[in-house]
Amino acid sequence: MNGLQAIPEWEEYFNNPSGSVLGFISASLFLPAIVTPFAASWINGLWGRKVCLGVGSVLLILGAFLTRSPRTWGHSSAGVSSSVAAGPFGKITGIAMLQELAHPRLRPYVATAYYSNYYLGQISAAWFCFGTLSWRSTEWRWRAPCLFQAFAPFLVLVHLFFMPESPRWLIDNDRSEEALKILAQGHANGDINDELVRYEYEEICQAIQSEKENQKSKYSDFFKTPGNRRRLLVLVTMGTGSNWVGNGIIAYYLSPALKLVGINKADQIAGINGGLAVWSLLWAYLGALNAERVGRRPLWLVGTAGMLCTYILITGLSGSFDHSPTRSVGIAVVPMMFMYKTFYCMSWSPLPFAYGAEILPYHMRLKGLSIELSVQSVALTFNQWVNPVALEAMKWKYYIVYIALIAMYLVLIIFFFPETRNMTIEAVSILFDTGRKGDALAASRQFVHGKEQPEEGHVDHVDDAGRQPNDRAQIKVV
């Protein structure tokens, strides 16, 4: 949307939407994503991860072609709605599949890098739109970027023919031999007797069997125990926070925000949008690569606190420009936006879906991610409707609302987000059931071949990250 709003032909074609009209248009596009996460969860459980990714890819391709050739905004909305409806099929399935396929040594990096790749798409979209500004005045300036959206899902469809299914889904559906072979191929060059492979296989079987013996998972389970209620609080916090920590202004309404400080030219807005995308990708990857070394909790805290400070500065500069519109003050807002994106992308980009997948047991994983994504879509829909109206009515004063919200999310992170560093996915998934603060030692003990470890300071688990088969890697207590 940022890229399209910077193209004059797009605005002319749709009668220069602004304020409540632009808000309604943008909000309506995200309504399907409130419901489709639950459909994606159901398909995942019934037919597996690969089928769900295939359904999402087909819907995305269909949406791209519908968006390319609309006669009215209604036709365009149908195309974009198809694309948005498809999003959850990829989002919750992709992160679950990465968590379940990745080698234990690489899982934290792969998982946190997952949503950071969003910025590769944003960079492509932003600079594709920027490039069309050099074309002669034609509707293809905005039609071409819309059609370009079909490229990535087409690649996913091709890769599905070569991708393995999730071992955890296979074990849950009584296809254990296939699961063991996939674990061996991915983690031990095909050796099904490798110690790490046998350890992982037994751990997964034990976790899934334990969940089956307790009861079949339902959405109501999130309200039944203190641990599950805390999981739900964290999921809702991440779902709403992804859009309610101020990112909605910069991510979707950069053009109106820049116009508030005197930056009006299409090429300037498109250039800043493209630059922010590249900058965001850099910091999202840095956050993802350091999530295991530094820890999730420090990234959450530093990122959110930094966002709070920079949003205060953006508010002050925007207010100053409103009272005394000087060019230097307006330009000063731009580096503050880059600074804000630094803190947002090192924490809120790589962590929400990776952290959400980590803290959920297998049978609740897809349901929990569906809740997080549905809540995120509700928050995004609300944001899309309200932001342009509020910006038009309140101008820079609207930023004060986000300052209060960021402060609230910082408090929630301090009290309810435990550290999950250096733990297997099965151990992390029960971390919330060990008390309010979360005891990594107690959680880890339950999945070491069913035996408690005698030492108080650590729990051993197998990891062949450059060590001999009998070497162990500590799971540290936080």
Protein backbone atom coordinates (compact mmCIF):
# COMPACT_ATOMS: atom_id res chain seq x y z
CA MET A 1 0.00 0.00 0.00
CA ASN A 2 2.86 2.41 0.76
CA GLY A 3 4.33 1.83 -2.70
CA LEU A 4 0.99 2.20 -4.51
CA GLN A 5 0.08 5.38 -2.62
CA ALA A 6 3.27 6.97 -3.96
CA ILE A 7 2.21 6.32 -7.60
CA PRO A 8 0.05 9.22 -8.93
CA GLU A 9 -1.76 7.00 -11.48
CA TRP A 10 -2.99 4.68 -8.71
CA GLU A 11 -4.41 7.61 -6.74
CA GLU A 12 -6.02 9.07 -9.86
CA TYR A 13 -7.54 5.73 -10.89
CA PHE A 14 -9.20 5.36 -7.47
CA ASN A 15 -10.15 9.07 -7.13
CA ASN A 16 -7.41 10.08 -4.66
CA PRO A 17 -8.67 8.21 -1.55
CA SER A 18 -7.85 9.82 1.79
CA GLY A 19 -9.07 10.01 5.37
CA SER A 20 -12.06 7.79 6.15
CA VAL A 21 -12.28 6.53 2.54
CA LEU A 22 -8.65 5.39 2.51
CA GLY A 23 -9.12 3.92 5.98
CA PHE A 24 -12.21 1.95 4.93
CA ILE A 25 -10.51 0.71 1.76
CA SER A 26 -7.40 -0.45 3.62
CA ALA A 27 -9.29 -1.97 6.56
CA SER A 28 -11.70 -3.95 4.39
CA LEU A 29 -8.79 -5.69 2.68
CA PHE A 30 -7.68 -7.37 5.91
CA LEU A 31 -11.06 -8.65 7.12
CA PRO A 32 -10.67 -12.13 5.52
CA ALA A 33 -7.46 -12.72 7.48
CA ILE A 34 -9.46 -12.63 10.73
CA VAL A 35 -11.17 -15.91 9.78
CA THR A 36 -8.78 -17.78 7.49
CA PRO A 37 -6.16 -18.62 10.18
CA PHE A 38 -8.63 -21.09 11.67
CA ALA A 39 -9.23 -22.68 8.26
CA ALA A 40 -5.46 -22.93 7.81
CA SER A 41 -5.12 -24.63 11.20
CA TRP A 42 -7.82 -27.17 10.27
CA ILE A 43 -6.20 -27.96 6.90
CA ASN A 44 -2.80 -28.32 8.59
CA GLY A 45 -4.14 -30.87 11.03
CA LEU A 46 -6.10 -32.84 8.44
CA TRP A 47 -3.85 -32.87 5.34
CA GLY A 48 -0.49 -31.60 6.54
CA ARG A 49 1.76 -28.59 6.12
CA LYS A 50 2.51 -28.98 2.40
CA VAL A 51 -1.14 -29.01 1.33
CA CYS A 52 -1.84 -25.88 3.38
CA LEU A 53 1.10 -24.04 1.80
CA GLY A 54 -0.16 -25.08 -1.63
CA VAL A 55 -3.66 -23.72 -0.97
CA GLY A 56 -2.23 -20.41 0.22
CA SER A 57 0.05 -20.08 -2.81
CA VAL A 58 -2.81 -20.67 -5.27
CA LEU A 59 -4.94 -18.03 -3.54
CA LEU A 60 -2.05 -15.53 -3.66
CA ILE A 61 -1.56 -16.07 -7.39
CA LEU A 62 -5.29 -15.67 -7.99
CA GLY A 63 -5.29 -12.45 -5.97
CA ALA A 64 -2.39 -11.01 -7.97
CA PHE A 65 -4.20 -11.51 -11.28
CA LEU A 66 -7.47 -10.09 -9.94
CA THR A 67 -5.69 -7.02 -8.55
CA ARG A 68 -3.91 -6.38 -11.85
CA SER A 69 -7.06 -5.73 -13.89
CA PRO A 70 -9.80 -4.16 -11.75
CA ARG A 71 -12.55 -2.06 -13.29
CA THR A 72 -13.55 -0.60 -9.94
CA TRP A 73 -12.19 -0.54 -6.42
CA GLY A 74 -14.54 -3.45 -5.68
CA HIS A 75 -12.73 -5.63 -8.22
CA SER A 76 -9.38 -4.58 -6.79
CA SER A 77 -10.62 -5.32 -3.27
CA ALA A 78 -11.59 -8.84 -4.34
CA GLY A 79 -8.08 -9.45 -5.60
CA VAL A 80 -6.33 -8.00 -2.57
CA SER A 81 -8.76 -9.79 -0.24
CA SER A 82 -7.86 -13.08 -1.91
CA SER A 83 -4.18 -12.34 -1.29
CA VAL A 84 -4.80 -11.29 2.32
CA ALA A 85 -6.99 -14.35 2.95
CA ALA A 86 -4.12 -16.51 1.69
CA GLY A 87 -1.58 -14.91 4.03
CA PRO A 88 -2.39 -17.00 7.12
CA PHE A 89 -1.99 -20.25 5.15
CA GLY A 90 1.65 -19.37 4.67
CA LYS A 91 2.35 -17.50 7.89
CA ILE A 92 1.29 -20.10 10.46
CA THR A 93 2.29 -23.08 8.30
CA GLY A 94 5.68 -21.69 7.35
CA ILE A 95 6.85 -20.97 10.88
CA ALA A 96 5.49 -24.29 12.21
CA MET A 97 7.21 -26.21 9.42
CA LEU A 98 10.53 -24.45 9.94
CA GLN A 99 10.42 -25.09 13.69
CA GLU A 100 9.59 -28.76 13.10
CA LEU A 101 12.11 -29.47 10.31
CA ALA A 102 15.15 -27.45 11.38
CA HIS A 103 18.21 -28.99 13.03
CA PRO A 104 18.21 -28.20 16.79
CA ARG A 105 21.39 -26.17 16.42
CA LEU A 106 19.91 -24.06 13.63
CA ARG A 107 16.26 -23.92 14.72
CA PRO A 108 16.47 -20.62 16.68
CA TYR A 109 18.16 -18.83 13.77
CA VAL A 110 15.89 -20.29 11.09
CA ALA A 111 12.75 -19.55 13.11
CA THR A 112 13.61 -15.96 13.97
CA ALA A 113 14.82 -15.23 10.43
CA TYR A 114 11.49 -16.47 9.02
CA TYR A 115 9.40 -13.31 9.35
CA SER A 116 12.45 -11.12 8.81
CA ASN A 117 12.24 -12.22 5.18
CA TYR A 118 9.06 -10.16 4.96
CA TYR A 119 11.38 -7.25 4.22
CA LEU A 120 12.74 -8.97 1.12
CA GLY A 121 9.21 -8.73 -0.23
CA GLN A 122 8.88 -5.17 0.99
CA ILE A 123 12.15 -4.19 -0.68
CA SER A 124 11.06 -5.80 -3.95
CA ALA A 125 7.66 -4.08 -3.80
CA ALA A 126 9.02 -0.68 -2.75
CA TRP A 127 11.74 -0.48 -5.39
CA PHE A 128 9.54 -2.04 -8.09
CA CYS A 129 7.03 0.75 -7.46
CA PHE A 130 9.85 3.31 -7.42
CA GLY A 131 11.09 1.98 -10.75
CA THR A 132 7.69 2.36 -12.40
CA LEU A 133 7.77 6.10 -11.67
CA SER A 134 10.30 6.43 -14.51
CA TRP A 135 7.83 4.91 -16.99
CA ARG A 136 5.68 7.15 -19.12
CA SER A 137 2.35 7.99 -17.51
CA THR A 138 0.33 4.79 -17.78
CA GLU A 139 -1.86 2.58 -15.61
CA TRP A 140 0.82 -0.11 -15.86
CA ARG A 141 2.77 1.92 -13.33
CA TRP A 142 0.55 0.34 -10.66
CA ARG A 143 -0.80 -2.71 -12.52
CA ALA A 144 2.70 -4.19 -12.96
CA PRO A 145 3.52 -4.18 -9.19
CA CYS A 146 0.17 -5.87 -8.53
CA LEU A 147 0.94 -8.63 -11.04
CA PHE A 148 4.48 -9.01 -9.64
CA GLN A 149 2.91 -10.38 -6.44
CA ALA A 150 2.35 -13.74 -8.18
CA PHE A 151 6.09 -14.41 -8.51
CA ALA A 152 6.88 -15.50 -4.92
CA PRO A 153 3.91 -17.88 -4.42
CA PHE A 154 4.71 -19.47 -7.79
CA LEU A 155 8.21 -20.26 -6.48
CA VAL A 156 6.68 -21.77 -3.33
CA LEU A 157 4.43 -24.02 -5.43
CA VAL A 158 7.44 -25.31 -7.37
CA HIS A 159 9.45 -25.96 -4.18
CA LEU A 160 6.59 -27.90 -2.58
CA PHE A 161 7.40 -30.84 -4.88
CA PHE A 162 10.83 -31.14 -3.23
CA MET A 163 9.98 -30.32 0.40
CA PRO A 164 9.56 -32.99 3.12
CA GLU A 165 6.49 -33.10 5.34
CA SER A 166 6.72 -32.17 9.03
CA PRO A 167 8.03 -35.16 11.07
CA ARG A 168 5.78 -34.18 13.96
CA TRP A 169 2.68 -34.22 11.74
CA LEU A 170 3.72 -37.61 10.33
CA ILE A 171 4.20 -39.10 13.81
CA ASP A 172 0.86 -37.67 14.92
CA ASN A 173 -0.76 -39.37 11.91
CA ASP A 174 0.83 -42.82 12.50
CA ARG A 175 3.52 -42.46 9.83
CA SER A 176 6.48 -42.78 12.18
CA GLU A 177 8.85 -44.52 9.76
CA GLU A 178 8.56 -41.65 7.27
CA ALA A 179 9.17 -39.16 10.07
CA LEU A 180 12.31 -41.00 11.22
CA LYS A 181 13.70 -41.02 7.66
CA ILE A 182 13.05 -37.28 7.25
CA LEU A 183 14.79 -36.52 10.57
CA ALA A 184 17.73 -38.68 9.51
CA GLN A 185 18.01 -37.08 6.07
CA GLY A 186 17.89 -33.56 7.45
CA HIS A 187 19.91 -33.97 10.64
CA ALA A 188 22.32 -36.91 10.12
CA ASN A 189 22.90 -37.45 6.39
CA GLY A 190 20.39 -40.31 6.31
CA ASP A 191 21.66 -42.27 9.35
CA ILE A 192 18.53 -43.38 11.24
CA ASN A 193 20.69 -44.74 14.09
CA ASP A 194 22.41 -41.43 14.76
CA GLU A 195 22.18 -40.50 18.44
CA LEU A 196 20.75 -37.04 17.78
CA VAL A 197 18.10 -38.44 15.41
CA ARG A 198 17.04 -41.13 17.90
CA TYR A 199 16.92 -38.56 20.69
CA GLU A 200 14.76 -36.17 18.65
CA TYR A 201 12.49 -38.97 17.46
CA GLU A 202 11.91 -40.31 20.99
CA GLU A 203 11.39 -36.80 22.35
CA ILE A 204 8.77 -35.98 19.70
CA CYS A 205 6.99 -39.33 20.17
CA GLN A 206 6.93 -38.86 23.93
CA ALA A 207 5.57 -35.32 23.69
CA ILE A 208 2.84 -36.20 21.18
CA GLN A 209 1.83 -39.38 23.05
CA SER A 210 1.62 -37.44 26.30
CA GLU A 211 -0.65 -34.84 24.70
CA LYS A 212 -2.84 -37.56 23.15
CA GLU A 213 -3.25 -39.30 26.50
CA ASN A 214 -4.28 -36.10 28.24
CA GLN A 215 -6.96 -34.98 25.80
CA LYS A 216 -7.55 -33.75 22.29
CA SER A 217 -6.66 -30.09 22.00
CA LYS A 218 -9.45 -27.51 21.75
CA TYR A 219 -9.43 -23.73 21.55
CA SER A 220 -11.10 -23.66 24.98
CA ASP A 221 -7.94 -25.24 26.45
CA PHE A 222 -6.32 -21.81 26.39
CA PHE A 223 -8.60 -20.79 29.28
CA LYS A 224 -8.29 -23.94 31.43
CA THR A 225 -4.89 -23.69 33.13
CA PRO A 226 -2.70 -20.81 34.39
CA GLY A 227 0.03 -21.81 31.92
CA ASN A 228 -2.34 -21.76 28.96
CA ARG A 229 -3.91 -18.48 30.03
CA ARG A 230 -0.45 -16.97 30.16
CA ARG A 231 0.30 -18.38 26.70
CA LEU A 232 -2.90 -16.77 25.45
CA LEU A 233 -1.94 -13.42 26.99
CA VAL A 234 1.47 -13.55 25.31
CA LEU A 235 -0.07 -14.51 21.94
CA VAL A 236 -2.62 -11.67 22.13
CA THR A 237 0.10 -9.24 23.21
CA MET A 238 2.26 -10.16 20.23
CA GLY A 239 -0.71 -10.21 17.84
CA THR A 240 -1.96 -6.75 18.74
CA GLY A 241 1.47 -5.31 19.47
CA SER A 242 2.79 -6.05 15.98
CA ASN A 243 0.55 -3.22 14.75
CA TRP A 244 -0.19 -1.19 17.87
CA VAL A 245 3.35 -0.19 18.77
CA GLY A 246 3.37 2.55 16.13
CA ASN A 247 4.56 0.49 13.20
CA GLY A 248 1.18 0.85 11.50
CA ILE A 249 1.86 4.51 10.70
CA ILE A 250 5.26 3.89 9.11
CA ALA A 251 4.40 0.55 7.47
CA TYR A 252 1.08 1.50 5.86
CA TYR A 253 0.68 5.29 6.03
CA LEU A 254 4.19 6.57 5.47
CA SER A 255 2.99 8.91 2.71
CA PRO A 256 0.48 10.85 4.90
CA ALA A 257 2.97 10.86 7.79
CA LEU A 258 5.71 12.38 5.63
CA LYS A 259 3.31 14.95 4.21
CA LEU A 260 2.70 16.13 7.79
CA VAL A 261 6.35 17.29 7.87
CA GLY A 262 6.46 18.79 4.39
CA ILE A 263 7.77 15.87 2.30
CA ASN A 264 5.33 15.70 -0.62
CA LYS A 265 7.13 14.62 -3.81
CA ALA A 266 6.31 11.12 -5.10
CA ASP A 267 9.95 10.21 -5.81
CA GLN A 268 11.03 11.37 -2.32
CA ILE A 269 8.31 9.34 -0.59
CA ALA A 270 9.00 6.26 -2.74
CA GLY A 271 12.75 6.60 -2.12
CA ILE A 272 12.31 6.86 1.66
CA ASN A 273 9.95 3.87 1.56
CA GLY A 274 12.52 1.82 -0.36
CA GLY A 275 15.33 2.91 1.95
CA LEU A 276 13.30 1.94 5.02
CA ALA A 277 12.72 -1.50 3.53
CA VAL A 278 16.45 -2.14 3.04
CA TRP A 279 17.24 -0.77 6.50
CA SER A 280 14.50 -2.91 8.05
CA LEU A 281 15.81 -6.09 6.43
CA LEU A 282 19.31 -5.47 7.79
CA TRP A 283 18.15 -5.02 11.38
CA ALA A 284 15.59 -7.82 11.20
CA TYR A 285 18.35 -10.24 10.20
CA LEU A 286 20.67 -8.92 12.91
CA GLY A 287 17.93 -9.46 15.48
CA ALA A 288 17.22 -12.95 14.15
CA LEU A 289 20.89 -13.98 14.18
CA ASN A 290 21.37 -12.76 17.75
CA ALA A 291 18.14 -14.10 19.26
CA GLU A 292 19.87 -17.27 20.47
CA ARG A 293 23.13 -15.63 21.52
CA VAL A 294 21.63 -12.60 23.28
CA GLY A 295 18.28 -14.15 24.19
CA ARG A 296 14.69 -13.39 23.27
CA ARG A 297 13.88 -11.42 26.39
CA PRO A 298 16.71 -8.84 26.02
CA LEU A 299 15.69 -8.27 22.39
CA TRP A 300 12.06 -7.75 23.42
CA LEU A 301 13.04 -5.30 26.17
CA VAL A 302 15.69 -3.28 24.32
CA GLY A 303 13.63 -3.13 21.13
CA THR A 304 10.42 -1.97 22.80
CA ALA A 305 12.17 0.53 25.09
CA GLY A 306 14.05 1.95 22.09
CA MET A 307 10.81 2.28 20.12
CA LEU A 308 9.27 4.20 23.00
CA CYS A 309 12.15 6.69 23.09
CA THR A 310 12.24 7.25 19.32
CA TYR A 311 8.46 7.65 19.09
CA ILE A 312 8.66 10.38 21.71
CA LEU A 313 11.27 12.13 19.52
CA ILE A 314 9.16 11.69 16.34
CA THR A 315 6.17 13.18 18.17
CA GLY A 316 8.19 16.13 19.42
CA LEU A 317 9.69 16.90 16.00
CA SER A 318 6.32 16.56 14.23
CA GLY A 319 4.73 18.89 16.78
CA SER A 320 7.55 21.38 16.36
CA PHE A 321 7.10 21.34 12.57
CA ASP A 322 3.36 21.93 12.99
CA HIS A 323 4.02 25.07 15.06
CA SER A 324 7.02 26.26 13.04
CA PRO A 325 7.27 24.53 9.63
CA THR A 326 10.99 24.65 8.90
CA ARG A 327 12.62 22.28 6.43
CA SER A 328 15.34 21.13 8.84
CA VAL A 329 12.80 19.98 11.44
CA GLY A 330 10.80 18.11 8.80
CA ILE A 331 13.89 16.35 7.48
CA ALA A 332 14.92 15.42 11.06
CA VAL A 333 11.83 13.22 11.33
CA VAL A 334 13.18 10.90 8.61
CA PRO A 335 16.27 9.61 10.52
CA MET A 336 14.06 9.16 13.59
CA MET A 337 11.80 6.91 11.51
CA PHE A 338 14.87 4.90 10.52
CA MET A 339 15.89 4.71 14.19
CA TYR A 340 12.40 3.54 15.16
CA LYS A 341 12.55 0.81 12.50
CA THR A 342 15.93 -0.27 13.90
CA PHE A 343 14.38 -1.12 17.27
CA TYR A 344 11.16 -2.51 15.79
CA CYS A 345 12.91 -4.79 13.32
CA MET A 346 15.44 -6.22 15.77
CA SER A 347 12.62 -7.38 18.06
CA TRP A 348 9.05 -7.22 16.77
CA SER A 349 9.94 -8.46 13.28
CA PRO A 350 11.81 -11.73 14.00
CA LEU A 351 10.28 -12.73 17.34
CA PRO A 352 6.44 -12.81 17.42
CA PHE A 353 5.79 -15.88 15.26
CA ALA A 354 8.99 -17.69 16.25
CA TYR A 355 8.36 -17.07 19.95
CA GLY A 356 4.69 -18.01 19.55
CA ALA A 357 5.59 -21.33 17.92
CA GLU A 358 8.15 -22.07 20.64
CA ILE A 359 5.88 -21.61 23.63
CA LEU A 360 3.06 -23.85 22.34
CA PRO A 361 2.83 -27.67 22.70
CA TYR A 362 2.46 -29.56 19.42
CA HIS A 363 -1.32 -30.03 19.52
CA MET A 364 -1.88 -26.39 20.45
CA ARG A 365 0.75 -24.94 18.12
CA LEU A 366 -1.35 -24.35 15.02
CA LYS A 367 -4.37 -23.29 17.08
CA GLY A 368 -2.26 -20.82 19.06
CA LEU A 369 -0.64 -19.38 15.95
CA SER A 370 -4.10 -19.09 14.39
CA ILE A 371 -5.27 -17.08 17.40
CA GLU A 372 -2.19 -14.84 17.22
CA LEU A 373 -2.63 -14.23 13.51
CA SER A 374 -6.39 -13.65 13.78
CA VAL A 375 -5.87 -11.15 16.61
CA GLN A 376 -3.13 -9.51 14.54
CA SER A 377 -5.57 -9.18 11.63
CA VAL A 378 -8.23 -7.63 13.90
CA ALA A 379 -5.66 -5.14 15.21
CA LEU A 380 -4.44 -4.43 11.68
CA THR A 381 -7.98 -3.92 10.36
CA PHE A 382 -8.73 -1.50 13.21
CA ASN A 383 -5.44 0.29 12.58
CA GLN A 384 -6.02 0.57 8.85
CA TRP A 385 -9.43 2.15 9.40
CA VAL A 386 -8.53 4.48 12.26
CA ASN A 387 -5.01 5.65 11.38
CA PRO A 388 -5.77 7.77 8.27
CA VAL A 389 -8.85 9.29 9.93
CA ALA A 390 -6.95 10.08 13.14
CA LEU A 391 -3.93 11.43 11.26
CA GLU A 392 -6.17 13.75 9.26
CA ALA A 393 -8.06 14.94 12.36
CA MET A 394 -5.37 14.97 15.08
CA LYS A 395 -2.21 15.20 12.97
CA TRP A 396 0.95 14.72 15.08
CA LYS A 397 -1.01 14.56 18.37
CA TYR A 398 -2.19 11.08 17.35
CA TYR A 399 1.35 9.81 17.97
CA ILE A 400 0.80 10.33 21.72
CA VAL A 401 -1.67 7.43 21.68
CA TYR A 402 1.09 5.15 20.44
CA ILE A 403 3.51 6.36 23.08
CA ALA A 404 1.05 5.17 25.74
CA LEU A 405 0.50 1.85 23.94
CA ILE A 406 4.23 1.15 23.56
CA ALA A 407 4.70 1.81 27.29
CA MET A 408 1.89 -0.66 28.07
CA TYR A 409 3.46 -3.37 25.90
CA LEU A 410 6.82 -2.82 27.57
CA VAL A 411 5.24 -3.53 30.97
CA LEU A 412 3.58 -6.71 29.66
CA ILE A 413 6.90 -7.95 28.27
CA ILE A 414 8.67 -7.30 31.57
CA PHE A 415 6.19 -9.38 33.58
CA PHE A 416 4.99 -12.13 31.23
CA PHE A 417 7.64 -12.97 28.60
CA PRO A 418 10.16 -15.60 29.87
CA GLU A 419 13.49 -16.43 28.27
CA THR A 420 13.52 -19.47 25.94
CA ARG A 421 17.16 -19.48 24.89
CA ASN A 422 19.11 -22.77 24.59
CA MET A 423 16.08 -25.05 24.90
CA THR A 424 14.57 -27.66 22.59
CA ILE A 425 11.16 -26.89 21.12
CA GLU A 426 9.49 -29.58 23.26
CA ALA A 427 11.09 -28.20 26.44
CA VAL A 428 10.18 -24.61 25.55
CA SER A 429 6.58 -25.62 24.86
CA ILE A 430 6.02 -26.58 28.51
CA LEU A 431 8.00 -23.70 30.01
CA PHE A 432 4.80 -21.84 30.85
CA ASP A 433 3.51 -24.76 32.92
CA THR A 434 6.33 -24.51 35.47
CA GLY A 435 5.27 -21.40 37.33
CA ARG A 436 4.78 -17.68 36.76
CA LYS A 437 8.43 -16.95 36.10
CA GLY A 438 9.05 -20.06 34.02
CA ASP A 439 11.68 -22.58 35.13
CA ALA A 440 13.85 -23.72 32.24
CA LEU A 441 15.37 -26.51 34.33
CA ALA A 442 12.01 -28.00 35.31
CA ALA A 443 10.71 -27.75 31.76
CA SER A 444 13.79 -29.38 30.27
CA ARG A 445 13.90 -32.28 32.72
CA GLN A 446 10.64 -33.69 31.41
CA PHE A 447 12.09 -34.40 27.97
CA VAL A 448 15.44 -36.03 28.59
CA HIS A 449 14.34 -39.61 27.90
CA GLY A 450 11.89 -39.25 30.76
CA LYS A 451 14.66 -39.01 33.39
CA GLU A 452 15.52 -36.17 35.72
CA GLN A 453 19.09 -34.96 35.67
CA PRO A 454 20.98 -34.95 38.94
CA GLU A 455 22.77 -31.64 38.52
CA GLU A 456 20.98 -28.49 39.61
CA GLY A 457 22.52 -26.03 37.19
CA HIS A 458 21.85 -27.56 33.82
CA VAL A 459 20.08 -30.20 31.80
CA ASP A 460 21.89 -32.22 29.18
CA HIS A 461 20.51 -32.78 25.74
CA VAL A 462 22.13 -34.08 22.62
CA ASP A 463 23.28 -31.60 20.00
CA ASP A 464 25.81 -32.58 17.36
CA ALA A 465 26.86 -29.00 16.60
CA GLY A 466 30.48 -29.82 15.91
CA ARG A 467 30.84 -32.15 18.93
CA GLN A 468 31.38 -35.87 19.35
CA PRO A 469 28.23 -38.01 19.69
CA ASN A 470 28.57 -38.35 23.46
CA ASP A 471 29.19 -34.67 24.08
CA ARG A 472 26.38 -32.64 25.58
CA ALA A 473 25.09 -29.08 25.29
CA GLN A 474 23.80 -27.35 28.36
CA ILE A 475 20.33 -25.91 28.56
CA LYS A 476 20.88 -22.97 30.84
CA VAL A 477 18.52 -21.90 33.57
CA VAL A 478 17.36 -18.30 33.17
